[in-house]
């Protein structure tokens, strides 16, 4: 069995596509129209992970409520410093600033997508 993707509903598809493609380097693989929504499938740089953004025709003006069961998505970054510069240039901010997770130099940080979903960024130290 192979894990295929995770799906999240988005309020503003343009803002979400910009966030995931420009900041997180995901690539739009394909779109699919259903009766009441449009599905956008995004791949990571290595084509190993996919996120489905669902944009419903009747999207609540206030967006969707994030439940307390979902935690976050996690992405690796090769350089937290380079990611921070890119993030700042695109006008995004950290939810939790980068910090050393284990005292050995591995850094983590958290950001939020336009709908408030948390995303963990991990820069692992290579020995």
N, C-alpha and C. Protein backbone atom coordinates (compact mmCIF):
# COMPACT_ATOMS: atom_id res chain seq x y z
N UNK A 1 0.85 -1.18 0.00
CA UNK A 1 0.00 0.00 0.00
C UNK A 1 0.89 1.24 0.00
N UNK A 2 0.47 2.25 -0.71
CA UNK A 2 1.25 3.48 -0.83
C UNK A 2 0.39 4.67 -0.43
N UNK A 3 0.93 5.54 0.41
CA UNK A 3 0.25 6.77 0.79
C UNK A 3 0.27 7.72 -0.41
N UNK A 4 -0.88 8.30 -0.76
CA UNK A 4 -0.96 9.13 -1.96
C UNK A 4 -0.94 10.62 -1.68
N UNK A 5 -1.84 11.11 -0.82
CA UNK A 5 -1.87 12.55 -0.59
C UNK A 5 -2.68 12.88 0.66
N UNK A 6 -2.56 14.13 1.09
CA UNK A 6 -3.42 14.71 2.11
C UNK A 6 -4.23 15.81 1.46
N UNK A 7 -5.47 16.00 1.92
CA UNK A 7 -6.34 17.03 1.35
C UNK A 7 -6.69 18.05 2.41
N UNK A 8 -6.65 19.32 2.01
CA UNK A 8 -7.13 20.40 2.87
C UNK A 8 -8.04 21.30 2.04
N UNK A 9 -9.06 21.84 2.70
CA UNK A 9 -9.95 22.81 2.05
C UNK A 9 -9.35 24.20 2.22
N UNK A 10 -9.46 24.99 1.16
CA UNK A 10 -8.89 26.34 1.21
C UNK A 10 -9.95 27.37 0.88
N UNK A 11 -9.80 28.53 1.48
CA UNK A 11 -10.76 29.62 1.27
C UNK A 11 -10.40 30.46 0.05
N UNK A 12 -9.12 30.71 -0.14
CA UNK A 12 -8.63 31.55 -1.23
C UNK A 12 -7.61 30.75 -2.03
N UNK A 13 -8.03 30.18 -3.15
CA UNK A 13 -7.16 29.29 -3.91
C UNK A 13 -5.93 30.02 -4.44
N UNK A 14 -6.06 31.27 -4.83
CA UNK A 14 -4.90 32.01 -5.34
C UNK A 14 -3.84 32.20 -4.26
N UNK A 15 -4.27 32.59 -3.06
CA UNK A 15 -3.33 32.76 -1.95
C UNK A 15 -2.68 31.43 -1.57
N UNK A 16 -3.47 30.37 -1.57
CA UNK A 16 -2.93 29.05 -1.22
C UNK A 16 -1.94 28.54 -2.27
N UNK A 17 -2.29 28.70 -3.54
CA UNK A 17 -1.36 28.28 -4.60
C UNK A 17 -0.06 29.07 -4.53
N UNK A 18 -0.14 30.35 -4.29
CA UNK A 18 1.06 31.17 -4.17
C UNK A 18 1.92 30.68 -3.01
N UNK A 19 1.31 30.45 -1.87
CA UNK A 19 2.03 29.99 -0.68
C UNK A 19 2.74 28.67 -0.95
N UNK A 20 2.01 27.68 -1.43
CA UNK A 20 2.58 26.34 -1.60
C UNK A 20 3.56 26.26 -2.76
N UNK A 21 3.33 27.01 -3.84
CA UNK A 21 4.24 26.93 -4.98
C UNK A 21 5.44 27.86 -4.84
N UNK A 22 5.20 29.10 -4.45
CA UNK A 22 6.31 30.06 -4.38
C UNK A 22 7.16 29.89 -3.13
N UNK A 23 6.53 29.70 -1.98
CA UNK A 23 7.30 29.59 -0.74
C UNK A 23 7.82 28.17 -0.51
N UNK A 24 6.99 27.17 -0.72
CA UNK A 24 7.37 25.79 -0.41
C UNK A 24 7.82 24.99 -1.62
N UNK A 25 7.91 25.64 -2.77
CA UNK A 25 8.45 25.02 -4.01
C UNK A 25 7.66 23.82 -4.50
N UNK A 26 6.39 23.73 -4.14
CA UNK A 26 5.58 22.64 -4.66
C UNK A 26 5.16 22.99 -6.09
N UNK A 27 4.88 21.98 -6.88
CA UNK A 27 4.52 22.17 -8.28
C UNK A 27 3.10 21.66 -8.50
N UNK A 28 2.32 22.46 -9.23
CA UNK A 28 0.96 22.03 -9.58
C UNK A 28 1.06 20.88 -10.57
N UNK A 29 0.57 19.72 -10.18
CA UNK A 29 0.60 18.53 -11.02
C UNK A 29 -0.60 18.50 -11.95
N UNK A 30 -1.79 18.66 -11.37
CA UNK A 30 -3.00 18.70 -12.19
C UNK A 30 -4.17 19.22 -11.38
N UNK A 31 -5.22 19.61 -12.10
CA UNK A 31 -6.47 20.05 -11.49
C UNK A 31 -7.56 19.09 -11.94
N UNK A 32 -8.59 19.01 -11.09
CA UNK A 32 -9.74 18.19 -11.46
C UNK A 32 -11.00 18.89 -10.99
N UNK A 33 -11.95 19.03 -11.89
CA UNK A 33 -13.23 19.66 -11.58
C UNK A 33 -14.23 18.59 -11.16
N UNK A 34 -14.87 18.77 -10.02
CA UNK A 34 -15.99 17.94 -9.58
C UNK A 34 -17.25 18.79 -9.63
N UNK A 35 -18.39 18.22 -9.28
CA UNK A 35 -19.65 18.96 -9.36
C UNK A 35 -19.65 20.25 -8.55
N UNK A 36 -19.04 20.23 -7.39
CA UNK A 36 -19.15 21.37 -6.47
C UNK A 36 -17.81 21.97 -6.05
N UNK A 37 -16.71 21.55 -6.69
CA UNK A 37 -15.40 22.05 -6.27
C UNK A 37 -14.35 21.80 -7.34
N UNK A 38 -13.21 22.43 -7.14
CA UNK A 38 -12.04 22.22 -7.99
C UNK A 38 -10.93 21.68 -7.08
N UNK A 39 -10.25 20.63 -7.54
CA UNK A 39 -9.17 20.01 -6.80
C UNK A 39 -7.85 20.38 -7.46
N UNK A 40 -6.88 20.78 -6.66
CA UNK A 40 -5.54 21.15 -7.14
C UNK A 40 -4.54 20.22 -6.46
N UNK A 41 -3.83 19.43 -7.26
CA UNK A 41 -2.87 18.48 -6.72
C UNK A 41 -1.46 19.04 -6.88
N UNK A 42 -0.76 19.19 -5.76
CA UNK A 42 0.58 19.77 -5.74
C UNK A 42 1.59 18.71 -5.31
N UNK A 43 2.71 18.62 -6.02
CA UNK A 43 3.78 17.69 -5.69
C UNK A 43 4.95 18.42 -5.06
N UNK A 44 5.67 17.70 -4.19
CA UNK A 44 6.91 18.25 -3.67
C UNK A 44 7.98 18.16 -4.76
N UNK A 45 9.17 18.71 -4.47
CA UNK A 45 10.23 18.77 -5.48
C UNK A 45 10.69 17.39 -5.97
N UNK A 46 10.59 16.37 -5.11
CA UNK A 46 11.04 15.02 -5.47
C UNK A 46 9.91 14.12 -5.93
N UNK A 47 8.70 14.66 -6.04
CA UNK A 47 7.52 13.87 -6.42
C UNK A 47 7.29 12.69 -5.48
N UNK A 48 7.53 12.89 -4.20
CA UNK A 48 7.33 11.83 -3.21
C UNK A 48 6.13 12.11 -2.31
N UNK A 49 5.62 13.33 -2.37
CA UNK A 49 4.54 13.73 -1.47
C UNK A 49 3.60 14.65 -2.24
N UNK A 50 2.31 14.53 -1.95
CA UNK A 50 1.33 15.35 -2.65
C UNK A 50 0.30 15.90 -1.68
N UNK A 51 -0.07 17.15 -1.90
CA UNK A 51 -1.14 17.80 -1.15
C UNK A 51 -2.24 18.16 -2.14
N UNK A 52 -3.47 17.87 -1.77
CA UNK A 52 -4.63 18.24 -2.57
C UNK A 52 -5.29 19.45 -1.92
N UNK A 53 -5.34 20.55 -2.64
CA UNK A 53 -6.06 21.74 -2.19
C UNK A 53 -7.45 21.68 -2.79
N UNK A 54 -8.48 21.69 -1.96
CA UNK A 54 -9.85 21.64 -2.43
C UNK A 54 -10.48 23.01 -2.27
N UNK A 55 -10.95 23.55 -3.40
CA UNK A 55 -11.60 24.85 -3.41
C UNK A 55 -13.06 24.64 -3.77
N UNK A 56 -13.91 24.72 -2.76
CA UNK A 56 -15.35 24.49 -2.95
C UNK A 56 -16.02 25.71 -3.57
N UNK A 57 -17.02 25.47 -4.41
CA UNK A 57 -17.77 26.56 -5.03
C UNK A 57 -18.45 27.43 -3.98
N UNK A 58 -18.94 26.80 -2.93
CA UNK A 58 -19.59 27.53 -1.85
C UNK A 58 -18.70 27.50 -0.62
N UNK A 59 -17.66 28.29 -0.68
CA UNK A 59 -16.70 28.37 0.41
C UNK A 59 -17.19 29.36 1.45
N UNK A 60 -17.18 28.98 2.74
CA UNK A 60 -17.60 29.93 3.78
C UNK A 60 -16.72 31.18 3.76
N UNK A 61 -17.33 32.34 3.88
CA UNK A 61 -16.58 33.60 3.86
C UNK A 61 -15.51 33.63 4.95
N UNK A 62 -15.81 33.04 6.10
CA UNK A 62 -14.85 33.03 7.22
C UNK A 62 -13.84 31.89 7.10
N UNK A 63 -13.96 31.08 6.06
CA UNK A 63 -13.03 29.97 5.87
C UNK A 63 -13.49 28.75 6.64
N UNK A 64 -12.58 27.83 6.84
CA UNK A 64 -12.88 26.57 7.50
C UNK A 64 -12.26 26.56 8.90
N UNK A 65 -12.86 25.82 9.79
CA UNK A 65 -12.33 25.67 11.14
C UNK A 65 -11.37 24.49 11.16
N UNK A 66 -10.17 24.73 11.67
CA UNK A 66 -9.20 23.65 11.81
C UNK A 66 -9.50 22.90 13.10
N UNK A 67 -9.68 21.60 13.01
CA UNK A 67 -9.96 20.78 14.18
C UNK A 67 -8.73 20.62 15.05
N UNK A 68 -8.92 20.02 16.20
CA UNK A 68 -7.79 19.84 17.11
C UNK A 68 -7.09 18.49 16.92
N UNK A 69 -7.51 17.71 15.94
CA UNK A 69 -6.85 16.43 15.68
C UNK A 69 -5.67 16.59 14.72
N UNK A 70 -5.80 17.48 13.74
CA UNK A 70 -4.72 17.69 12.78
C UNK A 70 -3.63 18.53 13.44
N UNK A 71 -2.38 18.12 13.25
CA UNK A 71 -1.27 18.86 13.83
C UNK A 71 -0.59 19.77 12.83
N UNK A 72 0.15 19.19 11.89
CA UNK A 72 0.88 20.00 10.92
C UNK A 72 1.40 19.15 9.78
N UNK A 73 1.80 19.82 8.70
CA UNK A 73 2.60 19.22 7.65
C UNK A 73 4.05 19.50 8.01
N UNK A 74 4.99 18.69 7.55
CA UNK A 74 6.41 18.94 7.80
C UNK A 74 7.16 18.92 6.47
N UNK A 75 8.03 19.91 6.30
CA UNK A 75 8.85 20.03 5.09
C UNK A 75 10.31 20.16 5.52
N UNK A 76 11.20 19.55 4.76
CA UNK A 76 12.63 19.75 5.02
C UNK A 76 13.09 21.00 4.27
N UNK A 77 14.03 21.69 4.85
CA UNK A 77 14.69 22.82 4.19
C UNK A 77 16.19 22.57 4.26
N UNK A 78 16.89 22.92 3.20
CA UNK A 78 18.34 22.70 3.21
C UNK A 78 19.05 23.75 4.04
N UNK A 79 18.47 24.96 4.09
CA UNK A 79 19.06 26.05 4.87
C UNK A 79 17.94 26.90 5.46
N UNK A 80 17.87 26.92 6.77
CA UNK A 80 16.86 27.74 7.43
C UNK A 80 17.11 29.22 7.14
N UNK A 81 18.37 29.62 7.06
CA UNK A 81 18.69 31.02 6.75
C UNK A 81 18.19 31.41 5.37
N UNK A 82 18.42 30.56 4.37
CA UNK A 82 17.95 30.85 3.02
C UNK A 82 16.43 30.86 2.96
N UNK A 83 15.80 29.91 3.67
CA UNK A 83 14.34 29.88 3.69
C UNK A 83 13.79 31.15 4.34
N UNK A 84 14.41 31.58 5.43
CA UNK A 84 13.96 32.79 6.13
C UNK A 84 14.04 34.00 5.21
N UNK A 85 15.11 34.11 4.46
CA UNK A 85 15.25 35.23 3.52
C UNK A 85 14.16 35.18 2.46
N UNK A 86 13.92 34.02 1.89
CA UNK A 86 12.88 33.85 0.89
C UNK A 86 11.51 34.18 1.47
N UNK A 87 11.24 33.67 2.65
CA UNK A 87 9.96 33.90 3.32
C UNK A 87 9.74 35.40 3.55
N UNK A 88 10.75 36.08 4.05
CA UNK A 88 10.64 37.52 4.29
C UNK A 88 10.41 38.29 3.00
N UNK A 89 11.10 37.89 1.92
CA UNK A 89 10.93 38.56 0.62
C UNK A 89 9.53 38.39 0.07
N UNK A 90 8.88 37.26 0.39
CA UNK A 90 7.51 37.01 -0.07
C UNK A 90 6.46 37.56 0.88
N UNK A 91 6.89 38.11 2.01
CA UNK A 91 5.96 38.76 2.93
C UNK A 91 5.31 37.84 3.96
N UNK A 92 5.87 36.66 4.17
CA UNK A 92 5.34 35.74 5.18
C UNK A 92 6.14 35.88 6.47
N UNK A 93 5.56 35.40 7.58
CA UNK A 93 6.20 35.48 8.90
C UNK A 93 6.17 34.11 9.56
N UNK A 94 7.09 33.92 10.49
CA UNK A 94 7.09 32.69 11.28
C UNK A 94 5.98 32.71 12.32
N UNK A 95 5.41 31.56 12.57
CA UNK A 95 4.54 31.36 13.71
C UNK A 95 5.42 31.14 14.94
N UNK A 96 6.42 30.27 14.79
CA UNK A 96 7.46 30.04 15.81
C UNK A 96 8.80 30.14 15.11
N UNK A 97 9.62 31.05 15.58
CA UNK A 97 10.95 31.30 15.00
C UNK A 97 11.81 30.04 15.05
N UNK A 98 12.80 29.93 14.16
CA UNK A 98 13.69 28.77 14.18
C UNK A 98 14.39 28.60 15.53
N UNK A 99 14.51 27.34 15.94
CA UNK A 99 15.24 27.03 17.17
C UNK A 99 15.89 25.66 17.03
N UNK A 100 16.94 25.45 17.82
CA UNK A 100 17.68 24.19 17.81
C UNK A 100 16.87 23.15 18.58
N UNK A 101 16.47 22.13 17.90
CA UNK A 101 15.58 21.12 18.47
C UNK A 101 16.26 20.21 19.48
N UNK A 102 17.47 19.78 19.18
CA UNK A 102 18.09 18.75 20.00
C UNK A 102 19.46 19.13 20.56
N UNK A 103 19.85 20.38 20.43
CA UNK A 103 21.15 20.79 20.93
C UNK A 103 22.31 20.37 20.06
N UNK A 104 22.01 19.81 18.88
CA UNK A 104 23.07 19.34 17.99
C UNK A 104 23.07 20.09 16.67
N UNK A 105 22.26 21.15 16.58
CA UNK A 105 22.25 21.98 15.39
C UNK A 105 21.08 21.79 14.45
N UNK A 106 20.25 20.77 14.66
CA UNK A 106 19.06 20.61 13.82
C UNK A 106 18.05 21.69 14.19
N UNK A 107 17.64 22.46 13.20
CA UNK A 107 16.74 23.58 13.45
C UNK A 107 15.32 23.23 13.00
N UNK A 108 14.33 23.72 13.76
CA UNK A 108 12.95 23.62 13.32
C UNK A 108 12.29 24.99 13.51
N UNK A 109 11.22 25.20 12.76
CA UNK A 109 10.43 26.42 12.86
C UNK A 109 9.03 26.08 12.37
N UNK A 110 8.09 26.97 12.63
CA UNK A 110 6.71 26.76 12.17
C UNK A 110 6.20 28.01 11.48
N UNK A 111 5.44 27.78 10.40
CA UNK A 111 4.72 28.83 9.70
C UNK A 111 3.28 28.37 9.57
N UNK A 112 2.42 29.26 9.08
CA UNK A 112 1.03 28.90 8.79
C UNK A 112 0.71 29.25 7.35
N UNK A 113 -0.09 28.39 6.71
CA UNK A 113 -0.55 28.69 5.37
C UNK A 113 -1.70 29.71 5.46
N UNK A 114 -2.22 30.20 4.35
CA UNK A 114 -3.27 31.23 4.40
C UNK A 114 -4.53 30.82 5.16
N UNK A 115 -4.74 29.51 5.36
CA UNK A 115 -5.92 29.04 6.09
C UNK A 115 -5.61 28.66 7.52
N UNK A 116 -4.40 28.94 7.98
CA UNK A 116 -4.04 28.67 9.37
C UNK A 116 -3.50 27.29 9.63
N UNK A 117 -3.30 26.47 8.59
CA UNK A 117 -2.69 25.16 8.80
C UNK A 117 -1.21 25.33 9.14
N UNK A 118 -0.77 24.65 10.18
CA UNK A 118 0.62 24.77 10.59
C UNK A 118 1.53 23.90 9.73
N UNK A 119 2.72 24.43 9.47
CA UNK A 119 3.73 23.73 8.69
C UNK A 119 5.04 23.81 9.45
N UNK A 120 5.59 22.64 9.73
CA UNK A 120 6.88 22.55 10.40
C UNK A 120 7.97 22.53 9.34
N UNK A 121 9.02 23.30 9.57
CA UNK A 121 10.19 23.33 8.70
C UNK A 121 11.34 22.72 9.47
N UNK A 122 12.07 21.81 8.85
CA UNK A 122 13.15 21.09 9.53
C UNK A 122 14.42 21.19 8.72
N UNK A 123 15.46 21.71 9.35
CA UNK A 123 16.80 21.70 8.77
C UNK A 123 17.63 20.74 9.61
N UNK A 124 17.94 19.58 9.04
CA UNK A 124 18.71 18.58 9.77
C UNK A 124 20.19 18.79 9.54
N UNK A 125 20.93 18.57 10.59
CA UNK A 125 22.38 18.64 10.51
C UNK A 125 22.90 17.36 9.88
N UNK A 126 23.75 17.50 8.89
CA UNK A 126 24.37 16.35 8.26
C UNK A 126 25.77 16.22 8.84
N UNK A 127 26.06 15.05 9.36
CA UNK A 127 27.37 14.84 10.01
C UNK A 127 28.32 14.17 9.08
